[in-house]
Amino acid sequence: MPVTVVRYRTKPDRGDENQAYVEQVFAELATARPGGIRYMTVRLADGVSFVHVASVETADGENPLGSVVAFREFQRELADRLEEGPIVTEGAVVGSYGFSLADGPAVSR
């Protein structure tokens, strides 16, 4: 399963604001429940670093996040909130244990 991993660090005073935007994205996803996407965000212990992991598996290859209003709002001024990044990396899931995402079972290979 291909995944996209995005890592960045916010400015010291913008971590909470960034988290609030991320929470709005997940709230809209929970309501809209678009198919074809698995998405997770982690705020690291330093309070300013974030890691987003997404897997998109749609018939047309389009990322459902593009239709999420809160995601567009999150991205709108992201550059202003950042100290470093974003660094985007493509990868493949090797395995997962106990991470059951809201819309499906844990990935296991």
C-alpha atoms as a PDB file:
ATOM      1  CA  MET A   1       0.000   0.000   0.000  1.00  0.00           C
ATOM      2  CA  PRO A   2       1.610   3.297  -1.072  1.00  0.00           C
ATOM      3  CA  VAL A   3       1.647   6.090   1.497  1.00  0.00           C
ATOM      4  CA  THR A   4       2.637   9.722   1.540  1.00  0.00           C
ATOM      5  CA  VAL A   5       4.406  10.969   4.656  1.00  0.00           C
ATOM      6  CA  VAL A   6       4.634  14.710   5.296  1.00  0.00           C
ATOM      7  CA  ARG A   7       6.731  16.124   8.116  1.00  0.00           C
ATOM      8  CA  TYR A   8       7.126  19.749   9.133  1.00  0.00           C
ATOM      9  CA  ARG A   9       7.849  21.953  12.126  1.00  0.00           C
ATOM     10  CA  THR A  10       5.706  24.952  13.006  1.00  0.00           C
ATOM     11  CA  LYS A  11       6.970  28.186  14.466  1.00  0.00           C
ATOM     12  CA  PRO A  12       7.203  27.914  18.282  1.00  0.00           C
ATOM     13  CA  ASP A  13       3.998  29.887  18.882  1.00  0.00           C
ATOM     14  CA  ARG A  14       1.931  28.211  16.130  1.00  0.00           C
ATOM     15  CA  GLY A  15       1.754  24.537  17.186  1.00  0.00           C
ATOM     16  CA  ASP A  16      -1.608  24.813  18.942  1.00  0.00           C
ATOM     17  CA  GLU A  17      -3.091  26.773  16.039  1.00  0.00           C
ATOM     18  CA  ASN A  18      -1.880  24.138  13.579  1.00  0.00           C
ATOM     19  CA  GLN A  19      -3.362  21.364  15.704  1.00  0.00           C
ATOM     20  CA  ALA A  20      -6.705  23.171  15.738  1.00  0.00           C
ATOM     21  CA  TYR A  21      -6.700  23.240  11.921  1.00  0.00           C
ATOM     22  CA  VAL A  22      -5.835  19.529  11.810  1.00  0.00           C
ATOM     23  CA  GLU A  23      -8.645  18.715  14.241  1.00  0.00           C
ATOM     24  CA  GLN A  24     -11.098  20.574  11.981  1.00  0.00           C
ATOM     25  CA  VAL A  25      -9.966  18.432   9.042  1.00  0.00           C
ATOM     26  CA  PHE A  26     -10.622  15.238  10.988  1.00  0.00           C
ATOM     27  CA  ALA A  27     -13.995  16.521  12.187  1.00  0.00           C
ATOM     28  CA  GLU A  28     -15.062  17.150   8.591  1.00  0.00           C
ATOM     29  CA  LEU A  29     -13.715  13.759   7.497  1.00  0.00           C
ATOM     30  CA  ALA A  30     -15.728  12.088  10.261  1.00  0.00           C
ATOM     31  CA  THR A  31     -18.874  13.750   8.947  1.00  0.00           C
ATOM     32  CA  ALA A  32     -18.259  13.414   5.206  1.00  0.00           C
ATOM     33  CA  ARG A  33     -16.645   9.941   5.415  1.00  0.00           C
ATOM     34  CA  PRO A  34     -15.036   9.995   1.959  1.00  0.00           C
ATOM     35  CA  GLY A  35     -13.896   6.631   0.707  1.00  0.00           C
ATOM     36  CA  GLY A  36     -10.503   5.712  -0.643  1.00  0.00           C
ATOM     37  CA  ILE A  37      -8.369   7.417   1.981  1.00  0.00           C
ATOM     38  CA  ARG A  38      -6.620   6.515   5.200  1.00  0.00           C
ATOM     39  CA  TYR A  39      -5.155   9.494   7.002  1.00  0.00           C
ATOM     40  CA  MET A  40      -3.415  10.058  10.305  1.00  0.00           C
ATOM     41  CA  THR A  41      -1.636  13.010  11.900  1.00  0.00           C
ATOM     42  CA  VAL A  42       0.784  12.848  14.825  1.00  0.00           C
ATOM     43  CA  ARG A  43       2.024  15.821  16.847  1.00  0.00           C
ATOM     44  CA  LEU A  44       5.475  14.983  18.159  1.00  0.00           C
ATOM     45  CA  ALA A  45       6.589  15.493  21.756  1.00  0.00           C
ATOM     46  CA  ASP A  46       8.398  18.747  20.952  1.00  0.00           C
ATOM     47  CA  GLY A  47       4.951  20.296  20.390  1.00  0.00           C
ATOM     48  CA  VAL A  48       5.867  21.882  17.058  1.00  0.00           C
ATOM     49  CA  SER A  49       6.629  18.942  14.767  1.00  0.00           C
ATOM     50  CA  PHE A  50       3.834  17.184  12.901  1.00  0.00           C
ATOM     51  CA  VAL A  51       3.768  14.050  10.778  1.00  0.00           C
ATOM     52  CA  HIS A  52       0.893  13.297   8.405  1.00  0.00           C
ATOM     53  CA  VAL A  53       0.513   9.843   6.848  1.00  0.00           C
ATOM     54  CA  ALA A  54      -1.959   9.317   4.016  1.00  0.00           C
ATOM     55  CA  SER A  55      -2.864   6.442   1.752  1.00  0.00           C
ATOM     56  CA  VAL A  56      -5.122   7.190  -1.196  1.00  0.00           C
ATOM     57  CA  GLU A  57      -6.779   4.338  -3.027  1.00  0.00           C
ATOM     58  CA  THR A  58      -9.459   5.741  -5.311  1.00  0.00           C
ATOM     59  CA  ALA A  59     -10.488   4.490  -8.756  1.00  0.00           C
ATOM     60  CA  ASP A  60      -9.601   7.821 -10.369  1.00  0.00           C
ATOM     61  CA  GLY A  61      -6.435   8.406  -8.309  1.00  0.00           C
ATOM     62  CA  GLU A  62      -7.808  11.678  -6.953  1.00  0.00           C
ATOM     63  CA  ASN A  63      -7.078  12.522  -3.328  1.00  0.00           C
ATOM     64  CA  PRO A  64     -10.380  12.969  -1.439  1.00  0.00           C
ATOM     65  CA  LEU A  65      -8.716  15.545   0.819  1.00  0.00           C
ATOM     66  CA  GLY A  66      -8.942  18.009  -2.058  1.00  0.00           C
ATOM     67  CA  SER A  67     -12.703  18.180  -1.581  1.00  0.00           C
ATOM     68  CA  VAL A  68     -12.500  18.735   2.195  1.00  0.00           C
ATOM     69  CA  VAL A  69     -13.085  22.427   2.952  1.00  0.00           C
ATOM     70  CA  ALA A  70     -11.249  22.238   6.280  1.00  0.00           C
ATOM     71  CA  PHE A  71      -8.196  20.721   4.550  1.00  0.00           C
ATOM     72  CA  ARG A  72      -8.061  23.582   2.064  1.00  0.00           C
ATOM     73  CA  GLU A  73      -8.312  26.008   4.996  1.00  0.00           C
ATOM     74  CA  PHE A  74      -5.512  24.121   6.807  1.00  0.00           C
ATOM     75  CA  GLN A  75      -3.292  24.490   3.734  1.00  0.00           C
ATOM     76  CA  ARG A  76      -4.239  28.103   2.944  1.00  0.00           C
ATOM     77  CA  GLU A  77      -1.687  29.770   5.246  1.00  0.00           C
ATOM     78  CA  LEU A  78       0.383  26.743   6.185  1.00  0.00           C
ATOM     79  CA  ALA A  79       3.624  28.326   4.934  1.00  0.00           C
ATOM     80  CA  ASP A  80       3.139  31.222   7.384  1.00  0.00           C
ATOM     81  CA  ARG A  81       2.888  28.781  10.307  1.00  0.00           C
ATOM     82  CA  LEU A  82       6.004  26.796   9.401  1.00  0.00           C
ATOM     83  CA  GLU A  83       9.533  27.017  10.685  1.00  0.00           C
ATOM     84  CA  GLU A  84      10.721  24.072   8.576  1.00  0.00           C
ATOM     85  CA  GLY A  85       9.352  21.916   5.788  1.00  0.00           C
ATOM     86  CA  PRO A  86       7.131  20.446   4.638  1.00  0.00           C
ATOM     87  CA  ILE A  87       9.159  17.426   3.625  1.00  0.00           C
ATOM     88  CA  VAL A  88       7.091  15.020   1.533  1.00  0.00           C
ATOM     89  CA  THR A  89       8.185  11.404   1.181  1.00  0.00           C
ATOM     90  CA  GLU A  90       6.537   8.512  -0.605  1.00  0.00           C
ATOM     91  CA  GLY A  91       6.725   5.051   0.920  1.00  0.00           C
ATOM     92  CA  ALA A  92       5.036   1.711   1.369  1.00  0.00           C
ATOM     93  CA  VAL A  93       3.492   0.181   4.462  1.00  0.00           C
ATOM     94  CA  VAL A  94       5.583  -2.740   5.644  1.00  0.00           C
ATOM     95  CA  GLY A  95       3.330  -3.608   8.540  1.00  0.00           C
ATOM     96  CA  SER A  96       1.096  -2.249  11.239  1.00  0.00           C
ATOM     97  CA  TYR A  97      -0.140  -3.660  14.517  1.00  0.00           C
ATOM     98  CA  GLY A  98      -2.982  -2.199  16.518  1.00  0.00           C
ATOM     99  CA  PHE A  99      -3.469   0.901  14.404  1.00  0.00           C
ATOM    100  CA  SER A 100      -7.074   0.570  13.418  1.00  0.00           C
ATOM    101  CA  LEU A 101      -7.984   3.711  11.531  1.00  0.00           C
ATOM    102  CA  ALA A 102     -11.486   5.053  11.956  1.00  0.00           C
ATOM    103  CA  ASP A 103     -12.669   3.832   8.560  1.00  0.00           C
ATOM    104  CA  GLY A 104     -11.193   0.358   8.481  1.00  0.00           C
ATOM    105  CA  PRO A 105      -9.062  -2.372   9.971  1.00  0.00           C
ATOM    106  CA  ALA A 106      -5.363  -2.156  10.715  1.00  0.00           C
ATOM    107  CA  VAL A 107      -3.049  -2.776   7.807  1.00  0.00           C
ATOM    108  CA  SER A 108      -1.064  -5.941   8.090  1.00  0.00           C
ATOM    109  CA  ARG A 109       1.357  -7.440   5.592  1.00  0.00           C
END
